[in-house]
Amino acid sequence: MYIIGENIHIISPRVKDALQAKDALFFQGRAVAQVEAGAQALDLNLGPRKKDWEEIFPWMVETIEAVVDVPLSFDSTNLLGIEAGLKKVTKAQPIINSTSAEPERLEKVPLLAKKYNARLVALTMGTSGIPVAADARVTIAVEKLIPRMLEIDFPISDLIIDPLVLTVSGCQEYCPELIEAIRTLQVAWSPPPAISVGLSNVSNSVPQENRSLVNRTYCAMLMGVGLNMMIGDPLDAKLQDTIRIIEQRDDSTPVGRLYLKICDRIAAMETPVIDDVDVNDPDQAAIWKTVQILLNKVIYADAYLQLA
């Protein structure tokens, strides 16, 4: 699994404060910790930075590149800021996160990526927003996103399609459709572009104590349809262990065997079944309940783990 570390994000109060103070040691520490935990790239979500982009984006690149060598992913709506940061990159091939199929974004962002030899994340979202159905998301990719890359001679090998994870709390019907979108995208174009998702989005607005469980269970399901790249939290040891279990086919523990069964059922286009689960094991029971909400079989509630 290629993990783009998510832990430099303006939504975090600590990140916001550190940006205000230009606390280089804070960002360097967070960058090193993510890379040491297994991140192969780092997402830099700095917000639009409307007033100080000319200073902040280059400063962040210099600060992070002083301590790590991995690719930097520029996650912002401010194209001028992204370009200011790209000009300072001296190490690995950068990533722009992201364009959509909205005409103005699709016109400008791929050209910027091509100019600076950056990989490009492209969202399956158009002017009318994010479609629920898997087929509609795939259609945006093959009729809008990929043709634009071909039009400007942008390498498909540098394109990363993001079919968009939405939270199970409020957008539950999107969760199973995302699984099928990933499955289909891998055969909808040849050779297929890379596919990535923002995994932690699935647990946005979920109580903090349940977020890792939701994330890692969904991860196991998405790996069943071939996902091997994501923006996620490399510091989540349980998530990392779930990824390891599936990649190494480690069936040495009951929970590991359950995750493998879930992954294999999804891969085979089957629905996980209660016979796969020892419901007397609290850990397995929690995973099973989480699968049910992610497949939109049971209506999500914050207290879903306590419900019969």
C-alpha atoms as a PDB file:
ATOM      1  CA  MET A   1       0.000   0.000   0.000  1.00  0.00           C
ATOM      2  CA  TYR A   2       1.362   3.373  -1.067  1.00  0.00           C
ATOM      3  CA  ILE A   3       0.419   5.725   1.763  1.00  0.00           C
ATOM      4  CA  ILE A   4       0.393   9.495   1.368  1.00  0.00           C
ATOM      5  CA  GLY A   5       0.582  10.770   4.939  1.00  0.00           C
ATOM      6  CA  GLU A   6      -2.365  12.987   5.875  1.00  0.00           C
ATOM      7  CA  ASN A   7      -1.125  14.552   9.103  1.00  0.00           C
ATOM      8  CA  ILE A   8      -0.156  18.001   7.862  1.00  0.00           C
ATOM      9  CA  HIS A   9      -3.655  19.371   7.426  1.00  0.00           C
ATOM     10  CA  ILE A  10      -4.958  22.847   8.107  1.00  0.00           C
ATOM     11  CA  ILE A  11      -8.062  21.434   9.790  1.00  0.00           C
ATOM     12  CA  SER A  12      -5.850  20.483  12.744  1.00  0.00           C
ATOM     13  CA  PRO A  13      -5.596  23.313  15.312  1.00  0.00           C
ATOM     14  CA  ARG A  14      -1.958  22.360  15.978  1.00  0.00           C
ATOM     15  CA  VAL A  15      -1.116  22.660  12.291  1.00  0.00           C
ATOM     16  CA  LYS A  16      -2.963  25.967  12.066  1.00  0.00           C
ATOM     17  CA  ASP A  17      -1.058  27.353  15.058  1.00  0.00           C
ATOM     18  CA  ALA A  18       2.263  26.062  13.750  1.00  0.00           C
ATOM     19  CA  LEU A  19       1.674  27.724  10.388  1.00  0.00           C
ATOM     20  CA  GLN A  20       0.878  30.981  12.120  1.00  0.00           C
ATOM     21  CA  ALA A  21       4.126  30.749  14.093  1.00  0.00           C
ATOM     22  CA  LYS A  22       6.135  29.286  11.176  1.00  0.00           C
ATOM     23  CA  ASP A  23       7.254  26.531  13.544  1.00  0.00           C
ATOM     24  CA  ALA A  24       9.643  24.583  11.328  1.00  0.00           C
ATOM     25  CA  LEU A  25      10.495  22.017  13.996  1.00  0.00           C
ATOM     26  CA  PHE A  26       6.836  21.076  14.394  1.00  0.00           C
ATOM     27  CA  PHE A  27       6.407  20.355  10.684  1.00  0.00           C
ATOM     28  CA  GLN A  28       9.736  18.587  10.403  1.00  0.00           C
ATOM     29  CA  GLY A  29       8.862  16.368  13.354  1.00  0.00           C
ATOM     30  CA  ARG A  30       5.472  15.525  11.887  1.00  0.00           C
ATOM     31  CA  ALA A  31       7.009  14.792   8.486  1.00  0.00           C
ATOM     32  CA  VAL A  32       9.724  12.514   9.865  1.00  0.00           C
ATOM     33  CA  ALA A  33       7.273  10.638  12.099  1.00  0.00           C
ATOM     34  CA  GLN A  34       5.005   9.868   9.151  1.00  0.00           C
ATOM     35  CA  VAL A  35       7.824   8.715   6.904  1.00  0.00           C
ATOM     36  CA  GLU A  36       9.328   6.553   9.627  1.00  0.00           C
ATOM     37  CA  ALA A  37       5.883   4.992  10.125  1.00  0.00           C
ATOM     38  CA  GLY A  38       5.670   4.052   6.451  1.00  0.00           C
ATOM     39  CA  ALA A  39       4.371   7.061   4.503  1.00  0.00           C
ATOM     40  CA  GLN A  40       5.804   7.109   0.989  1.00  0.00           C
ATOM     41  CA  ALA A  41       4.632  10.666   0.288  1.00  0.00           C
ATOM     42  CA  LEU A  42       3.281  13.558   2.358  1.00  0.00           C
ATOM     43  CA  ASP A  43       0.105  15.521   1.734  1.00  0.00           C
ATOM     44  CA  LEU A  44       0.450  19.217   2.537  1.00  0.00           C
ATOM     45  CA  ASN A  45      -3.029  20.622   3.040  1.00  0.00           C
ATOM     46  CA  LEU A  46      -2.377  24.262   3.812  1.00  0.00           C
ATOM     47  CA  GLY A  47      -5.749  25.683   2.830  1.00  0.00           C
ATOM     48  CA  PRO A  48      -6.055  28.470   0.243  1.00  0.00           C
ATOM     49  CA  ARG A  49      -3.657  30.810   2.106  1.00  0.00           C
ATOM     50  CA  LYS A  50      -5.140  33.794   0.297  1.00  0.00           C
ATOM     51  CA  LYS A  51      -2.939  36.371   2.027  1.00  0.00           C
ATOM     52  CA  ASP A  52       0.413  34.652   2.559  1.00  0.00           C
ATOM     53  CA  TRP A  53       0.607  31.922  -0.115  1.00  0.00           C
ATOM     54  CA  GLU A  54       3.630  33.492  -1.795  1.00  0.00           C
ATOM     55  CA  GLU A  55       5.628  32.979   1.379  1.00  0.00           C
ATOM     56  CA  ILE A  56       4.079  29.897   3.015  1.00  0.00           C
ATOM     57  CA  PHE A  57       4.120  27.367   0.179  1.00  0.00           C
ATOM     58  CA  PRO A  58       7.847  27.756  -0.645  1.00  0.00           C
ATOM     59  CA  TRP A  59       8.695  27.872   3.067  1.00  0.00           C
ATOM     60  CA  MET A  60       6.857  24.622   3.688  1.00  0.00           C
ATOM     61  CA  VAL A  61       8.668  22.861   0.832  1.00  0.00           C
ATOM     62  CA  GLU A  62      12.075  23.987   2.071  1.00  0.00           C
ATOM     63  CA  THR A  63      11.184  23.032   5.640  1.00  0.00           C
ATOM     64  CA  ILE A  64       9.992  19.514   4.787  1.00  0.00           C
ATOM     65  CA  GLU A  65      12.618  18.739   2.161  1.00  0.00           C
ATOM     66  CA  ALA A  66      15.301  19.553   4.724  1.00  0.00           C
ATOM     67  CA  VAL A  67      14.423  16.359   6.627  1.00  0.00           C
ATOM     68  CA  VAL A  68      12.740  13.883   4.212  1.00  0.00           C
ATOM     69  CA  ASP A  69      13.128  12.858   0.570  1.00  0.00           C
ATOM     70  CA  VAL A  70       9.600  11.633  -0.245  1.00  0.00           C
ATOM     71  CA  PRO A  71       7.202  13.245  -2.748  1.00  0.00           C
ATOM     72  CA  LEU A  72       5.170  16.200  -1.520  1.00  0.00           C
ATOM     73  CA  SER A  73       1.488  16.422  -2.411  1.00  0.00           C
ATOM     74  CA  PHE A  74       0.116  19.976  -2.668  1.00  0.00           C
ATOM     75  CA  ASP A  75      -3.478  19.948  -1.455  1.00  0.00           C
ATOM     76  CA  SER A  76      -4.996  23.382  -1.999  1.00  0.00           C
ATOM     77  CA  THR A  77      -7.450  25.295  -4.159  1.00  0.00           C
ATOM     78  CA  ASN A  78      -4.837  28.059  -4.570  1.00  0.00           C
ATOM     79  CA  LEU A  79      -3.070  27.328  -7.865  1.00  0.00           C
ATOM     80  CA  LEU A  80      -0.694  30.240  -7.453  1.00  0.00           C
ATOM     81  CA  GLY A  81       0.331  28.869  -4.073  1.00  0.00           C
ATOM     82  CA  ILE A  82       0.799  25.386  -5.486  1.00  0.00           C
ATOM     83  CA  GLU A  83       2.977  26.751  -8.276  1.00  0.00           C
ATOM     84  CA  ALA A  84       5.059  28.727  -5.780  1.00  0.00           C
ATOM     85  CA  GLY A  85       5.639  25.492  -3.888  1.00  0.00           C
ATOM     86  CA  LEU A  86       6.387  23.456  -7.020  1.00  0.00           C
ATOM     87  CA  LYS A  87       9.101  25.927  -7.992  1.00  0.00           C
ATOM     88  CA  LYS A  88      10.942  25.063  -4.774  1.00  0.00           C
ATOM     89  CA  VAL A  89      10.783  21.262  -5.069  1.00  0.00           C
ATOM     90  CA  THR A  90      14.254  19.774  -5.485  1.00  0.00           C
ATOM     91  CA  LYS A  91      13.777  16.113  -4.546  1.00  0.00           C
ATOM     92  CA  ALA A  92      11.053  13.624  -5.514  1.00  0.00           C
ATOM     93  CA  GLN A  93       8.384  14.076  -8.195  1.00  0.00           C
ATOM     94  CA  PRO A  94       5.618  16.154  -6.586  1.00  0.00           C
ATOM     95  CA  ILE A  95       1.866  15.577  -6.651  1.00  0.00           C
ATOM     96  CA  ILE A  96      -0.933  18.094  -7.171  1.00  0.00           C
ATOM     97  CA  ASN A  97      -4.061  17.258  -5.179  1.00  0.00           C
ATOM     98  CA  SER A  98      -6.306  17.904  -7.021  1.00  0.00           C
ATOM     99  CA  THR A  99      -8.322  18.712 -10.113  1.00  0.00           C
ATOM    100  CA  SER A 100     -11.954  17.847 -10.734  1.00  0.00           C
ATOM    101  CA  ALA A 101     -13.999  17.647 -13.923  1.00  0.00           C
ATOM    102  CA  GLU A 102     -15.294  21.189 -13.365  1.00  0.00           C
ATOM    103  CA  PRO A 103     -14.329  23.068 -16.543  1.00  0.00           C
ATOM    104  CA  GLU A 104     -12.156  25.777 -14.995  1.00  0.00           C
ATOM    105  CA  ARG A 105     -10.195  23.329 -12.833  1.00  0.00           C
ATOM    106  CA  LEU A 106      -9.837  20.815 -15.644  1.00  0.00           C
ATOM    107  CA  GLU A 107      -8.576  23.530 -17.961  1.00  0.00           C
ATOM    108  CA  LYS A 108      -5.889  24.881 -15.635  1.00  0.00           C
ATOM    109  CA  VAL A 109      -4.672  22.255 -13.165  1.00  0.00           C
ATOM    110  CA  PRO A 110      -3.491  19.553 -15.595  1.00  0.00           C
ATOM    111  CA  LEU A 111      -1.439  22.149 -17.467  1.00  0.00           C
ATOM    112  CA  LEU A 112       0.238  23.156 -14.201  1.00  0.00           C
ATOM    113  CA  ALA A 113       0.995  19.516 -13.418  1.00  0.00           C
ATOM    114  CA  LYS A 114       2.498  18.993 -16.848  1.00  0.00           C
ATOM    115  CA  LYS A 115       4.592  22.142 -16.599  1.00  0.00           C
ATOM    116  CA  TYR A 116       6.244  20.982 -13.384  1.00  0.00           C
ATOM    117  CA  ASN A 117       6.330  17.225 -14.124  1.00  0.00           C
ATOM    118  CA  ALA A 118       3.978  16.556 -11.226  1.00  0.00           C
ATOM    119  CA  ARG A 119       1.628  13.656 -10.738  1.00  0.00           C
ATOM    120  CA  LEU A 120      -2.007  14.735 -10.644  1.00  0.00           C
ATOM    121  CA  VAL A 121      -4.903  13.562  -8.491  1.00  0.00           C
ATOM    122  CA  ALA A 122      -8.172  13.902 -10.405  1.00  0.00           C
ATOM    123  CA  LEU A 123     -11.497  13.684  -8.598  1.00  0.00           C
ATOM    124  CA  THR A 124     -14.590  12.079 -10.129  1.00  0.00           C
ATOM    125  CA  MET A 125     -16.604  15.201  -9.445  1.00  0.00           C
ATOM    126  CA  GLY A 126     -18.215  17.526 -11.968  1.00  0.00           C
ATOM    127  CA  THR A 127     -20.148  20.755 -11.885  1.00  0.00           C
ATOM    128  CA  SER A 128     -23.163  19.006 -10.360  1.00  0.00           C
ATOM    129  CA  GLY A 129     -21.103  17.565  -7.510  1.00  0.00           C
ATOM    130  CA  ILE A 130     -20.243  13.983  -6.609  1.00  0.00           C
ATOM    131  CA  PRO A 131     -22.530  11.334  -8.082  1.00  0.00           C
ATOM    132  CA  VAL A 132     -23.643   8.489  -5.838  1.00  0.00           C
ATOM    133  CA  ALA A 133     -23.515   5.676  -8.371  1.00  0.00           C
ATOM    134  CA  ALA A 134     -20.268   3.911  -9.174  1.00  0.00           C
ATOM    135  CA  ASP A 135     -20.942   3.978 -12.925  1.00  0.00           C
ATOM    136  CA  ALA A 136     -21.448   7.734 -12.894  1.00  0.00           C
ATOM    137  CA  ARG A 137     -18.103   8.272 -11.202  1.00  0.00           C
ATOM    138  CA  VAL A 138     -16.378   5.979 -13.682  1.00  0.00           C
ATOM    139  CA  THR A 139     -18.025   7.865 -16.538  1.00  0.00           C
ATOM    140  CA  ILE A 140     -16.537  11.142 -15.311  1.00  0.00           C
ATOM    141  CA  ALA A 141     -13.105   9.513 -15.307  1.00  0.00           C
ATOM    142  CA  VAL A 142     -13.305   8.013 -18.794  1.00  0.00           C
ATOM    143  CA  GLU A 143     -15.268  10.799 -20.512  1.00  0.00           C
ATOM    144  CA  LYS A 144     -13.858  13.903 -18.836  1.00  0.00           C
ATOM    145  CA  LEU A 145     -10.667  13.374 -16.842  1.00  0.00           C
ATOM    146  CA  ILE A 146      -8.678  10.957 -18.972  1.00  0.00           C
ATOM    147  CA  PRO A 147      -9.573  12.623 -22.315  1.00  0.00           C
ATOM    148  CA  ARG A 148      -8.306  15.947 -20.972  1.00  0.00           C
ATOM    149  CA  MET A 149      -4.975  14.323 -20.090  1.00  0.00           C
ATOM    150  CA  LEU A 150      -4.697  12.851 -23.584  1.00  0.00           C
ATOM    151  CA  GLU A 151      -5.588  16.227 -25.105  1.00  0.00           C
ATOM    152  CA  ILE A 152      -2.570  17.893 -23.470  1.00  0.00           C
ATOM    153  CA  ASP A 153      -0.292  14.845 -23.757  1.00  0.00           C
ATOM    154  CA  PHE A 154      -0.161  14.356 -19.998  1.00  0.00           C
ATOM    155  CA  PRO A 155       1.230  10.909 -19.104  1.00  0.00           C
ATOM    156  CA  ILE A 156      -1.528   8.569 -17.904  1.00  0.00           C
ATOM    157  CA  SER A 157       1.154   6.981 -15.728  1.00  0.00           C
ATOM    158  CA  ASP A 158       1.244  10.254 -13.755  1.00  0.00           C
ATOM    159  CA  LEU A 159      -2.546  10.433 -13.367  1.00  0.00           C
ATOM    160  CA  ILE A 160      -4.187   9.332 -10.101  1.00  0.00           C
ATOM    161  CA  ILE A 161      -7.977   8.942 -10.147  1.00  0.00           C
ATOM    162  CA  ASP A 162      -9.734   9.571  -6.830  1.00  0.00           C
ATOM    163  CA  PRO A 163     -13.336   8.256  -6.911  1.00  0.00           C
ATOM    164  CA  LEU A 164     -14.042  10.030  -3.643  1.00  0.00           C
ATOM    165  CA  VAL A 165     -14.667   8.571  -0.206  1.00  0.00           C
ATOM    166  CA  LEU A 166     -17.495  10.248   1.690  1.00  0.00           C
ATOM    167  CA  THR A 167     -18.392   9.846   5.330  1.00  0.00           C
ATOM    168  CA  VAL A 168     -20.522   6.938   6.471  1.00  0.00           C
ATOM    169  CA  SER A 169     -22.123   9.456   8.827  1.00  0.00           C
ATOM    170  CA  GLY A 170     -24.472  11.263   6.489  1.00  0.00           C
ATOM    171  CA  CYS A 171     -23.440   9.843   3.113  1.00  0.00           C
ATOM    172  CA  GLN A 172     -23.757   6.151   3.850  1.00  0.00           C
ATOM    173  CA  GLU A 173     -25.154   5.237   0.440  1.00  0.00           C
ATOM    174  CA  TYR A 174     -21.892   6.334  -1.181  1.00  0.00           C
ATOM    175  CA  CYS A 175     -19.764   3.764   0.680  1.00  0.00           C
ATOM    176  CA  PRO A 176     -20.621   0.568  -1.241  1.00  0.00           C
ATOM    177  CA  GLU A 177     -20.699   2.500  -4.520  1.00  0.00           C
ATOM    178  CA  LEU A 178     -17.102   3.600  -3.950  1.00  0.00           C
ATOM    179  CA  ILE A 179     -16.049  -0.053  -3.711  1.00  0.00           C
ATOM    180  CA  GLU A 180     -17.571  -0.783  -7.091  1.00  0.00           C
ATOM    181  CA  ALA A 181     -16.141   2.381  -8.625  1.00  0.00           C
ATOM    182  CA  ILE A 182     -12.633   1.239  -7.713  1.00  0.00           C
ATOM    183  CA  ARG A 183     -13.334  -2.229  -9.104  1.00  0.00           C
ATOM    184  CA  THR A 184     -14.577  -0.833 -12.405  1.00  0.00           C
ATOM    185  CA  LEU A 185     -11.937   1.862 -12.875  1.00  0.00           C
ATOM    186  CA  GLN A 186      -9.263  -0.800 -13.128  1.00  0.00           C
ATOM    187  CA  VAL A 187     -10.813  -2.227 -16.277  1.00  0.00           C
ATOM    188  CA  ALA A 188     -12.363   0.907 -17.767  1.00  0.00           C
ATOM    189  CA  TRP A 189      -9.154   2.133 -19.416  1.00  0.00           C
ATOM    190  CA  SER A 190      -6.014   0.425 -20.655  1.00  0.00           C
ATOM    191  CA  PRO A 191      -3.523   0.879 -19.218  1.00  0.00           C
ATOM    192  CA  PRO A 192      -5.461   2.015 -16.138  1.00  0.00           C
ATOM    193  CA  PRO A 193      -4.339   5.094 -14.213  1.00  0.00           C
ATOM    194  CA  ALA A 194      -3.464   4.770 -10.546  1.00  0.00           C
ATOM    195  CA  ILE A 195      -6.366   4.925  -8.103  1.00  0.00           C
ATOM    196  CA  SER A 196      -6.206   6.568  -4.691  1.00  0.00           C
ATOM    197  CA  VAL A 197      -8.688   7.610  -2.019  1.00  0.00           C
ATOM    198  CA  GLY A 198      -8.761   9.797   1.060  1.00  0.00           C
ATOM    199  CA  LEU A 199      -9.448   6.901   3.418  1.00  0.00           C
ATOM    200  CA  SER A 200     -10.096   8.882   6.605  1.00  0.00           C
ATOM    201  CA  ASN A 201     -12.957  10.760   4.956  1.00  0.00           C
ATOM    202  CA  VAL A 202     -15.133   7.706   5.569  1.00  0.00           C
ATOM    203  CA  SER A 203     -15.014   8.332   9.325  1.00  0.00           C
ATOM    204  CA  ASN A 204     -15.453  12.100   9.298  1.00  0.00           C
ATOM    205  CA  SER A 205     -18.041  13.028  11.951  1.00  0.00           C
ATOM    206  CA  VAL A 206     -17.781   9.558  13.506  1.00  0.00           C
ATOM    207  CA  PRO A 207     -16.919   9.575  17.230  1.00  0.00           C
ATOM    208  CA  GLN A 208     -13.148   9.627  17.657  1.00  0.00           C
ATOM    209  CA  GLU A 209     -13.033   6.274  19.447  1.00  0.00           C
ATOM    210  CA  ASN A 210     -14.560   4.528  16.422  1.00  0.00           C
ATOM    211  CA  ARG A 211     -12.707   6.272  13.613  1.00  0.00           C
ATOM    212  CA  SER A 212      -9.802   3.850  13.314  1.00  0.00           C
ATOM    213  CA  LEU A 213     -12.159   0.856  13.293  1.00  0.00           C
ATOM    214  CA  VAL A 214     -14.215   2.351  10.469  1.00  0.00           C
ATOM    215  CA  ASN A 215     -11.096   3.334   8.530  1.00  0.00           C
ATOM    216  CA  ARG A 216      -9.336  -0.016   8.753  1.00  0.00           C
ATOM    217  CA  THR A 217     -12.458  -2.064   8.038  1.00  0.00           C
ATOM    218  CA  TYR A 218     -13.158   0.003   4.933  1.00  0.00           C
ATOM    219  CA  CYS A 219      -9.507  -0.309   3.966  1.00  0.00           C
ATOM    220  CA  ALA A 220      -9.770  -4.115   4.059  1.00  0.00           C
ATOM    221  CA  MET A 221     -12.836  -3.945   1.835  1.00  0.00           C
ATOM    222  CA  LEU A 222     -11.196  -1.566  -0.642  1.00  0.00           C
ATOM    223  CA  MET A 223      -8.064  -3.690  -0.806  1.00  0.00           C
ATOM    224  CA  GLY A 224     -10.384  -6.478  -1.899  1.00  0.00           C
ATOM    225  CA  VAL A 225     -11.038  -4.576  -5.124  1.00  0.00           C
ATOM    226  CA  GLY A 226      -7.388  -3.753  -5.651  1.00  0.00           C
ATOM    227  CA  LEU A 227      -6.796  -0.451  -3.892  1.00  0.00           C
ATOM    228  CA  ASN A 228      -3.067  -0.004  -3.322  1.00  0.00           C
ATOM    229  CA  MET A 229      -2.739   3.763  -2.821  1.00  0.00           C
ATOM    230  CA  MET A 230      -4.376   6.152  -0.382  1.00  0.00           C
ATOM    231  CA  ILE A 231      -4.102   9.312   1.629  1.00  0.00           C
ATOM    232  CA  GLY A 232      -4.265   8.044   5.189  1.00  0.00           C
ATOM    233  CA  ASP A 233      -2.782   8.077   8.650  1.00  0.00           C
ATOM    234  CA  PRO A 234       0.499   6.139   8.758  1.00  0.00           C
ATOM    235  CA  LEU A 235       0.595   6.661  12.541  1.00  0.00           C
ATOM    236  CA  ASP A 236      -2.495   4.481  13.028  1.00  0.00           C
ATOM    237  CA  ALA A 237      -0.819   1.226  14.076  1.00  0.00           C
ATOM    238  CA  LYS A 238      -4.028  -0.802  13.812  1.00  0.00           C
ATOM    239  CA  LEU A 239      -4.615   0.417  10.271  1.00  0.00           C
ATOM    240  CA  GLN A 240      -1.051  -0.447   9.363  1.00  0.00           C
ATOM    241  CA  ASP A 241      -1.478  -3.906  10.863  1.00  0.00           C
ATOM    242  CA  THR A 242      -4.655  -4.491   8.854  1.00  0.00           C
ATOM    243  CA  ILE A 243      -2.806  -3.573   5.666  1.00  0.00           C
ATOM    244  CA  ARG A 244       0.035  -5.940   6.620  1.00  0.00           C
ATOM    245  CA  ILE A 245      -2.391  -8.790   7.348  1.00  0.00           C
ATOM    246  CA  ILE A 246      -3.944  -8.500   3.907  1.00  0.00           C
ATOM    247  CA  GLU A 247      -0.732  -7.962   1.994  1.00  0.00           C
ATOM    248  CA  GLN A 248       1.019 -10.862   3.738  1.00  0.00           C
ATOM    249  CA  ARG A 249      -2.099 -13.067   3.942  1.00  0.00           C
ATOM    250  CA  ASP A 250      -1.467 -13.444   7.673  1.00  0.00           C
ATOM    251  CA  ASP A 251      -4.197 -15.702   9.065  1.00  0.00           C
ATOM    252  CA  SER A 252      -2.482 -16.341  12.406  1.00  0.00           C
ATOM    253  CA  THR A 253      -5.115 -14.489  14.489  1.00  0.00           C
ATOM    254  CA  PRO A 254      -8.932 -14.626  14.546  1.00  0.00           C
ATOM    255  CA  VAL A 255      -9.213 -10.955  13.616  1.00  0.00           C
ATOM    256  CA  GLY A 256      -6.690 -11.414  10.834  1.00  0.00           C
ATOM    257  CA  ARG A 257      -8.669 -14.322   9.435  1.00  0.00           C
ATOM    258  CA  LEU A 258     -11.826 -12.216   9.511  1.00  0.00           C
ATOM    259  CA  TYR A 259     -10.226  -9.317   7.657  1.00  0.00           C
ATOM    260  CA  LEU A 260      -8.963 -11.756   5.023  1.00  0.00           C
ATOM    261  CA  LYS A 261     -12.416 -13.273   4.626  1.00  0.00           C
ATOM    262  CA  ILE A 262     -13.952  -9.809   4.229  1.00  0.00           C
ATOM    263  CA  CYS A 263     -11.306  -8.830   1.691  1.00  0.00           C
ATOM    264  CA  ASP A 264     -11.737 -12.072  -0.256  1.00  0.00           C
ATOM    265  CA  ARG A 265     -15.542 -11.865  -0.265  1.00  0.00           C
ATOM    266  CA  ILE A 266     -15.429  -8.334  -1.666  1.00  0.00           C
ATOM    267  CA  ALA A 267     -12.843  -9.397  -4.258  1.00  0.00           C
ATOM    268  CA  ALA A 268     -15.149 -12.201  -5.400  1.00  0.00           C
ATOM    269  CA  MET A 269     -18.131  -9.799  -5.617  1.00  0.00           C
ATOM    270  CA  GLU A 270     -19.734 -11.591  -2.693  1.00  0.00           C
ATOM    271  CA  THR A 271     -21.319 -10.111   0.427  1.00  0.00           C
ATOM    272  CA  PRO A 272     -19.576 -10.973   3.720  1.00  0.00           C
ATOM    273  CA  VAL A 273     -21.723 -13.326   5.777  1.00  0.00           C
ATOM    274  CA  ILE A 274     -22.294 -13.808   9.498  1.00  0.00           C
ATOM    275  CA  ASP A 275     -20.829 -17.331   9.270  1.00  0.00           C
ATOM    276  CA  ASP A 276     -17.424 -15.706   8.748  1.00  0.00           C
ATOM    277  CA  VAL A 277     -17.611 -14.161  12.224  1.00  0.00           C
ATOM    278  CA  ASP A 278     -17.285 -15.346  15.796  1.00  0.00           C
ATOM    279  CA  VAL A 279     -19.866 -12.985  17.259  1.00  0.00           C
ATOM    280  CA  ASN A 280     -18.750 -13.909  20.782  1.00  0.00           C
ATOM    281  CA  ASP A 281     -15.432 -12.209  20.104  1.00  0.00           C
ATOM    282  CA  PRO A 282     -15.989  -8.471  20.769  1.00  0.00           C
ATOM    283  CA  ASP A 283     -13.360  -7.416  18.230  1.00  0.00           C
ATOM    284  CA  GLN A 284     -14.882  -9.543  15.481  1.00  0.00           C
ATOM    285  CA  ALA A 285     -18.386  -8.425  16.377  1.00  0.00           C
ATOM    286  CA  ALA A 286     -17.323  -4.775  16.078  1.00  0.00           C
ATOM    287  CA  ILE A 287     -15.766  -5.400  12.677  1.00  0.00           C
ATOM    288  CA  TRP A 288     -18.902  -7.206  11.507  1.00  0.00           C
ATOM    289  CA  LYS A 289     -21.169  -4.350  12.578  1.00  0.00           C
ATOM    290  CA  THR A 290     -18.865  -1.922  10.788  1.00  0.00           C
ATOM    291  CA  VAL A 291     -19.025  -3.942   7.583  1.00  0.00           C
ATOM    292  CA  GLN A 292     -22.808  -3.774   7.730  1.00  0.00           C
ATOM    293  CA  ILE A 293     -22.897   0.000   7.912  1.00  0.00           C
ATOM    294  CA  LEU A 294     -20.257   0.366   5.182  1.00  0.00           C
ATOM    295  CA  LEU A 295     -22.315  -1.826   2.893  1.00  0.00           C
ATOM    296  CA  ASN A 296     -25.376   0.283   3.738  1.00  0.00           C
ATOM    297  CA  LYS A 297     -27.135  -2.789   5.150  1.00  0.00           C
ATOM    298  CA  VAL A 298     -27.752  -1.203   8.556  1.00  0.00           C
ATOM    299  CA  ILE A 299     -28.458   2.493   9.097  1.00  0.00           C
ATOM    300  CA  TYR A 300     -25.489   4.280  10.651  1.00  0.00           C
ATOM    301  CA  ALA A 301     -25.796   5.777  14.146  1.00  0.00           C
ATOM    302  CA  ASP A 302     -22.974   7.046  16.347  1.00  0.00           C
ATOM    303  CA  ALA A 303     -23.797   4.304  18.853  1.00  0.00           C
ATOM    304  CA  TYR A 304     -23.977   1.539  16.221  1.00  0.00           C
ATOM    305  CA  LEU A 305     -21.541  -0.666  18.138  1.00  0.00           C
ATOM    306  CA  GLN A 306     -23.865  -0.712  21.138  1.00  0.00           C
ATOM    307  CA  LEU A 307     -26.943  -1.622  19.139  1.00  0.00           C
ATOM    308  CA  ALA A 308     -28.101  -5.230  18.936  1.00  0.00           C
END
